[in-house]
Amino acid sequence: MASKKPTGTQQVEQVPTSDLIPYARNARTHSDAQVAQIAGSIQEFGFCNPVLIDGQNGIIAGHGRVMAANLLKLQTVPCIRLDHLTDAQKRAYILADNRIALSSGWDEAMLANELQDLHADEIDLGLTGFDAEELGKLLGYEAGEVELPESSTEEVNTDSFEMQCKCPRCQFEFDPPKA
């Protein structure tokens, strides 16, 4: 069954996160670690990739972004409404959106150059989603090749440290951020 084609320009709208409805049969999973990565990306770069929703606020694409938004306690997120899709097309697109991206590859030489340049620009490479082992391989470091400074290998006595703040809920101690 053919759907109607979208007409005009699709508008980005802010939708309350509490109004968004996850697709109950979403086959894509998101670990807590990945949701934390997405949240870090949103904090660093902003919410650059709108959530795709249907006419009833059902999430078509962006489940992980919505989970990260909830983690960050965002009240609203940018969304684009895809109300031109049939129910079957929505279900197929949910799978296609996740699977097609997995079919791409990397130009590893280009990737390594980009990572080296980002490192030189003092960008936190953890924000790219690559783990330490992958970054080491791409940047040409062998295991054990990077030496830690002597001071970081010495045991530090933490008994004399006092933090200025303590979380009343979990008792975690910390210093407030510097303004």
C-alpha atoms as a PDB file:
ATOM      1  CA  MET A   1       0.000   0.000   0.000  1.00  0.00           C
ATOM      2  CA  ALA A   2       1.479   3.329  -1.020  1.00  0.00           C
ATOM      3  CA  SER A   3       1.562   6.173   1.447  1.00  0.00           C
ATOM      4  CA  LYS A   4       0.937   9.774   0.674  1.00  0.00           C
ATOM      5  CA  LYS A   5       4.185  11.607   0.018  1.00  0.00           C
ATOM      6  CA  PRO A   6       5.198  14.356   2.431  1.00  0.00           C
ATOM      7  CA  THR A   7       4.140  17.767   1.255  1.00  0.00           C
ATOM      8  CA  GLY A   8       6.175  20.913   1.711  1.00  0.00           C
ATOM      9  CA  THR A   9       8.943  21.305   4.221  1.00  0.00           C
ATOM     10  CA  GLN A  10       8.893  19.138   7.305  1.00  0.00           C
ATOM     11  CA  GLN A  11       8.943  21.298  10.406  1.00  0.00           C
ATOM     12  CA  VAL A  12      10.973  20.679  13.539  1.00  0.00           C
ATOM     13  CA  GLU A  13       8.820  21.085  16.627  1.00  0.00           C
ATOM     14  CA  GLN A  14       9.614  20.867  20.327  1.00  0.00           C
ATOM     15  CA  VAL A  15       7.601  18.054  21.933  1.00  0.00           C
ATOM     16  CA  PRO A  16       7.528  17.292  25.675  1.00  0.00           C
ATOM     17  CA  THR A  17       9.507  14.124  26.371  1.00  0.00           C
ATOM     18  CA  SER A  18       6.657  12.941  28.584  1.00  0.00           C
ATOM     19  CA  ASP A  19       4.337  12.962  25.532  1.00  0.00           C
ATOM     20  CA  LEU A  20       6.569  10.696  23.420  1.00  0.00           C
ATOM     21  CA  ILE A  21       5.552   7.045  23.126  1.00  0.00           C
ATOM     22  CA  PRO A  22       8.308   4.448  22.534  1.00  0.00           C
ATOM     23  CA  TYR A  23       7.504   1.781  19.950  1.00  0.00           C
ATOM     24  CA  ALA A  24       6.659  -1.319  22.025  1.00  0.00           C
ATOM     25  CA  ARG A  25       8.157  -3.677  19.432  1.00  0.00           C
ATOM     26  CA  ASN A  26      11.398  -1.765  18.900  1.00  0.00           C
ATOM     27  CA  ALA A  27      14.009  -4.446  18.222  1.00  0.00           C
ATOM     28  CA  ARG A  28      16.967  -2.082  18.721  1.00  0.00           C
ATOM     29  CA  THR A  29      18.464  -2.085  22.204  1.00  0.00           C
ATOM     30  CA  HIS A  30      20.370   0.648  24.003  1.00  0.00           C
ATOM     31  CA  SER A  31      22.720  -0.154  26.876  1.00  0.00           C
ATOM     32  CA  ASP A  32      23.107   2.258  29.771  1.00  0.00           C
ATOM     33  CA  ALA A  33      26.637   2.972  28.518  1.00  0.00           C
ATOM     34  CA  GLN A  34      25.375   3.895  25.042  1.00  0.00           C
ATOM     35  CA  VAL A  35      22.622   6.116  26.464  1.00  0.00           C
ATOM     36  CA  ALA A  36      25.312   7.867  28.529  1.00  0.00           C
ATOM     37  CA  GLN A  37      27.369   8.358  25.333  1.00  0.00           C
ATOM     38  CA  ILE A  38      24.356   9.864  23.572  1.00  0.00           C
ATOM     39  CA  ALA A  39      23.726  12.128  26.580  1.00  0.00           C
ATOM     40  CA  GLY A  40      27.363  13.271  26.483  1.00  0.00           C
ATOM     41  CA  SER A  41      27.025  14.030  22.789  1.00  0.00           C
ATOM     42  CA  ILE A  42      23.850  16.056  23.403  1.00  0.00           C
ATOM     43  CA  GLN A  43      25.581  17.985  26.187  1.00  0.00           C
ATOM     44  CA  GLU A  44      28.615  18.758  24.024  1.00  0.00           C
ATOM     45  CA  PHE A  45      27.020  19.409  20.642  1.00  0.00           C
ATOM     46  CA  GLY A  46      23.355  20.077  21.390  1.00  0.00           C
ATOM     47  CA  PHE A  47      20.351  18.066  20.245  1.00  0.00           C
ATOM     48  CA  CYS A  48      21.376  18.003  16.564  1.00  0.00           C
ATOM     49  CA  ASN A  49      19.335  15.039  15.332  1.00  0.00           C
ATOM     50  CA  PRO A  50      15.562  15.410  15.804  1.00  0.00           C
ATOM     51  CA  VAL A  51      13.441  12.473  16.931  1.00  0.00           C
ATOM     52  CA  LEU A  52      11.122  11.157  14.206  1.00  0.00           C
ATOM     53  CA  ILE A  53       7.544  10.670  15.408  1.00  0.00           C
ATOM     54  CA  ASP A  54       4.156   9.786  13.978  1.00  0.00           C
ATOM     55  CA  GLY A  55       0.954  11.792  14.272  1.00  0.00           C
ATOM     56  CA  GLN A  56       0.221  10.357  17.741  1.00  0.00           C
ATOM     57  CA  ASN A  57       3.724  11.102  19.133  1.00  0.00           C
ATOM     58  CA  GLY A  58       4.872   7.498  18.661  1.00  0.00           C
ATOM     59  CA  ILE A  59       8.646   7.315  18.274  1.00  0.00           C
ATOM     60  CA  ILE A  60       9.740   6.077  14.847  1.00  0.00           C
ATOM     61  CA  ALA A  61      13.461   6.884  15.164  1.00  0.00           C
ATOM     62  CA  GLY A  62      15.325   8.280  18.146  1.00  0.00           C
ATOM     63  CA  HIS A  63      14.547   5.945  21.028  1.00  0.00           C
ATOM     64  CA  GLY A  64      18.130   6.233  22.334  1.00  0.00           C
ATOM     65  CA  ARG A  65      18.059  10.026  22.012  1.00  0.00           C
ATOM     66  CA  VAL A  66      14.824  10.172  24.017  1.00  0.00           C
ATOM     67  CA  MET A  67      16.348   7.910  26.687  1.00  0.00           C
ATOM     68  CA  ALA A  68      19.362  10.255  26.840  1.00  0.00           C
ATOM     69  CA  ALA A  69      17.043  13.282  27.017  1.00  0.00           C
ATOM     70  CA  ASN A  70      15.284  11.680  29.985  1.00  0.00           C
ATOM     71  CA  LEU A  71      18.658  11.019  31.610  1.00  0.00           C
ATOM     72  CA  LEU A  72      19.499  14.710  31.140  1.00  0.00           C
ATOM     73  CA  LYS A  73      16.027  15.653  32.424  1.00  0.00           C
ATOM     74  CA  LEU A  74      15.220  17.587  29.239  1.00  0.00           C
ATOM     75  CA  GLN A  75      11.601  18.703  29.232  1.00  0.00           C
ATOM     76  CA  THR A  76      11.283  18.855  25.424  1.00  0.00           C
ATOM     77  CA  VAL A  77      13.157  17.491  22.416  1.00  0.00           C
ATOM     78  CA  PRO A  78      13.153  18.494  18.741  1.00  0.00           C
ATOM     79  CA  CYS A  79      10.919  16.239  16.645  1.00  0.00           C
ATOM     80  CA  ILE A  80       9.852  15.857  13.040  1.00  0.00           C
ATOM     81  CA  ARG A  81       6.411  14.388  12.382  1.00  0.00           C
ATOM     82  CA  LEU A  82       6.239  11.687   9.698  1.00  0.00           C
ATOM     83  CA  ASP A  83       2.481  11.397   9.446  1.00  0.00           C
ATOM     84  CA  HIS A  84       2.611  10.397   5.777  1.00  0.00           C
ATOM     85  CA  LEU A  85       3.729   6.816   6.532  1.00  0.00           C
ATOM     86  CA  THR A  86       1.336   3.889   6.784  1.00  0.00           C
ATOM     87  CA  ASP A  87       1.595   1.676   9.885  1.00  0.00           C
ATOM     88  CA  ALA A  88       3.486  -0.964   7.886  1.00  0.00           C
ATOM     89  CA  GLN A  89       5.882   1.657   6.491  1.00  0.00           C
ATOM     90  CA  LYS A  90       6.543   3.004  10.009  1.00  0.00           C
ATOM     91  CA  ARG A  91       7.419  -0.476  11.236  1.00  0.00           C
ATOM     92  CA  ALA A  92       9.667  -1.108   8.218  1.00  0.00           C
ATOM     93  CA  TYR A  93      11.370   2.286   8.589  1.00  0.00           C
ATOM     94  CA  ILE A  94      12.087   1.635  12.284  1.00  0.00           C
ATOM     95  CA  LEU A  95      14.085  -1.432  11.219  1.00  0.00           C
ATOM     96  CA  ALA A  96      15.639   0.193   8.136  1.00  0.00           C
ATOM     97  CA  ASP A  97      16.780   3.300  10.031  1.00  0.00           C
ATOM     98  CA  ASN A  98      18.744   1.141  12.448  1.00  0.00           C
ATOM     99  CA  ARG A  99      19.997  -1.548  10.077  1.00  0.00           C
ATOM    100  CA  ILE A 100      21.072   0.439   7.022  1.00  0.00           C
ATOM    101  CA  ALA A 101      23.584   2.456   9.057  1.00  0.00           C
ATOM    102  CA  LEU A 102      25.250  -0.806  10.101  1.00  0.00           C
ATOM    103  CA  SER A 103      25.959  -1.617   6.450  1.00  0.00           C
ATOM    104  CA  SER A 104      28.419   1.265   6.073  1.00  0.00           C
ATOM    105  CA  GLY A 105      32.140   1.013   6.686  1.00  0.00           C
ATOM    106  CA  TRP A 106      35.048   3.276   7.531  1.00  0.00           C
ATOM    107  CA  ASP A 107      37.922   4.640   5.488  1.00  0.00           C
ATOM    108  CA  GLU A 108      40.343   3.859   8.306  1.00  0.00           C
ATOM    109  CA  ALA A 109      43.141   6.124   7.025  1.00  0.00           C
ATOM    110  CA  MET A 110      40.723   9.048   6.757  1.00  0.00           C
ATOM    111  CA  LEU A 111      39.250   8.205  10.161  1.00  0.00           C
ATOM    112  CA  ALA A 112      42.705   8.069  11.773  1.00  0.00           C
ATOM    113  CA  ASN A 113      43.612  11.451  10.245  1.00  0.00           C
ATOM    114  CA  GLU A 114      40.392  12.999  11.516  1.00  0.00           C
ATOM    115  CA  LEU A 115      40.913  11.581  15.012  1.00  0.00           C
ATOM    116  CA  GLN A 116      44.509  12.846  15.093  1.00  0.00           C
ATOM    117  CA  ASP A 117      43.359  16.330  14.068  1.00  0.00           C
ATOM    118  CA  LEU A 118      40.584  16.310  16.682  1.00  0.00           C
ATOM    119  CA  HIS A 119      43.116  15.220  19.300  1.00  0.00           C
ATOM    120  CA  ALA A 120      45.403  18.094  18.251  1.00  0.00           C
ATOM    121  CA  ASP A 121      42.405  20.435  18.616  1.00  0.00           C
ATOM    122  CA  GLU A 122      42.037  19.109  22.202  1.00  0.00           C
ATOM    123  CA  ILE A 123      38.634  17.536  21.568  1.00  0.00           C
ATOM    124  CA  ASP A 124      37.698  14.733  23.962  1.00  0.00           C
ATOM    125  CA  LEU A 125      37.893  11.709  21.662  1.00  0.00           C
ATOM    126  CA  GLY A 126      35.560   9.829  24.000  1.00  0.00           C
ATOM    127  CA  LEU A 127      32.775  11.965  22.530  1.00  0.00           C
ATOM    128  CA  THR A 128      33.231  10.202  19.182  1.00  0.00           C
ATOM    129  CA  GLY A 129      31.867   6.918  20.530  1.00  0.00           C
ATOM    130  CA  PHE A 130      35.104   4.985  19.958  1.00  0.00           C
ATOM    131  CA  ASP A 131      36.442   3.146  23.009  1.00  0.00           C
ATOM    132  CA  ALA A 132      40.044   3.409  24.228  1.00  0.00           C
ATOM    133  CA  GLU A 133      41.143   0.193  22.496  1.00  0.00           C
ATOM    134  CA  GLU A 134      39.708   1.320  19.137  1.00  0.00           C
ATOM    135  CA  LEU A 135      41.281   4.760  19.487  1.00  0.00           C
ATOM    136  CA  GLY A 136      44.644   3.226  20.382  1.00  0.00           C
ATOM    137  CA  LYS A 137      44.542   1.022  17.298  1.00  0.00           C
ATOM    138  CA  LEU A 138      43.416   3.824  14.988  1.00  0.00           C
ATOM    139  CA  LEU A 139      46.005   6.257  16.354  1.00  0.00           C
ATOM    140  CA  GLY A 140      48.795   3.684  16.168  1.00  0.00           C
ATOM    141  CA  TYR A 141      49.401   3.039  19.863  1.00  0.00           C
ATOM    142  CA  GLU A 142      50.245  -0.464  20.972  1.00  0.00           C
ATOM    143  CA  ALA A 143      49.154  -1.804  24.338  1.00  0.00           C
ATOM    144  CA  GLY A 144      51.556  -0.549  27.005  1.00  0.00           C
ATOM    145  CA  GLU A 145      53.201   1.883  24.586  1.00  0.00           C
ATOM    146  CA  VAL A 146      51.738   4.930  26.295  1.00  0.00           C
ATOM    147  CA  GLU A 147      53.542   5.441  29.576  1.00  0.00           C
ATOM    148  CA  LEU A 148      51.779   6.932  32.541  1.00  0.00           C
ATOM    149  CA  PRO A 149      53.507   9.802  34.335  1.00  0.00           C
ATOM    150  CA  GLU A 150      55.355   8.647  37.433  1.00  0.00           C
ATOM    151  CA  SER A 151      52.994  10.530  39.727  1.00  0.00           C
ATOM    152  CA  SER A 152      49.993   8.584  38.440  1.00  0.00           C
ATOM    153  CA  THR A 153      51.553   5.234  39.287  1.00  0.00           C
ATOM    154  CA  GLU A 154      52.156   6.159  42.936  1.00  0.00           C
ATOM    155  CA  GLU A 155      49.583   5.404  45.573  1.00  0.00           C
ATOM    156  CA  VAL A 156      47.767   8.510  46.735  1.00  0.00           C
ATOM    157  CA  ASN A 157      46.601   8.903  50.312  1.00  0.00           C
ATOM    158  CA  THR A 158      42.987  10.034  50.065  1.00  0.00           C
ATOM    159  CA  ASP A 159      42.342  10.072  53.840  1.00  0.00           C
ATOM    160  CA  SER A 160      43.385  13.714  54.089  1.00  0.00           C
ATOM    161  CA  PHE A 161      41.137  14.890  51.222  1.00  0.00           C
ATOM    162  CA  GLU A 162      37.872  16.571  52.086  1.00  0.00           C
ATOM    163  CA  MET A 163      35.219  17.464  49.552  1.00  0.00           C
ATOM    164  CA  GLN A 164      33.074  20.560  49.916  1.00  0.00           C
ATOM    165  CA  CYS A 165      29.722  18.944  49.045  1.00  0.00           C
ATOM    166  CA  LYS A 166      27.888  15.693  49.747  1.00  0.00           C
ATOM    167  CA  CYS A 167      24.856  14.415  47.858  1.00  0.00           C
ATOM    168  CA  PRO A 168      22.035  13.948  50.389  1.00  0.00           C
ATOM    169  CA  ARG A 169      20.595  11.034  48.400  1.00  0.00           C
ATOM    170  CA  CYS A 170      23.625   8.855  47.618  1.00  0.00           C
ATOM    171  CA  GLN A 171      26.275  10.394  49.926  1.00  0.00           C
ATOM    172  CA  PHE A 172      28.688  10.938  46.994  1.00  0.00           C
ATOM    173  CA  GLU A 173      31.228  13.619  47.945  1.00  0.00           C
ATOM    174  CA  PHE A 174      32.395  16.196  45.429  1.00  0.00           C
ATOM    175  CA  ASP A 175      33.662  19.716  44.938  1.00  0.00           C
ATOM    176  CA  PRO A 176      31.258  22.120  43.227  1.00  0.00           C
ATOM    177  CA  PRO A 177      32.045  23.059  39.623  1.00  0.00           C
ATOM    178  CA  LYS A 178      34.156  26.159  39.244  1.00  0.00           C
ATOM    179  CA  ALA A 179      32.303  29.025  37.617  1.00  0.00           C
END
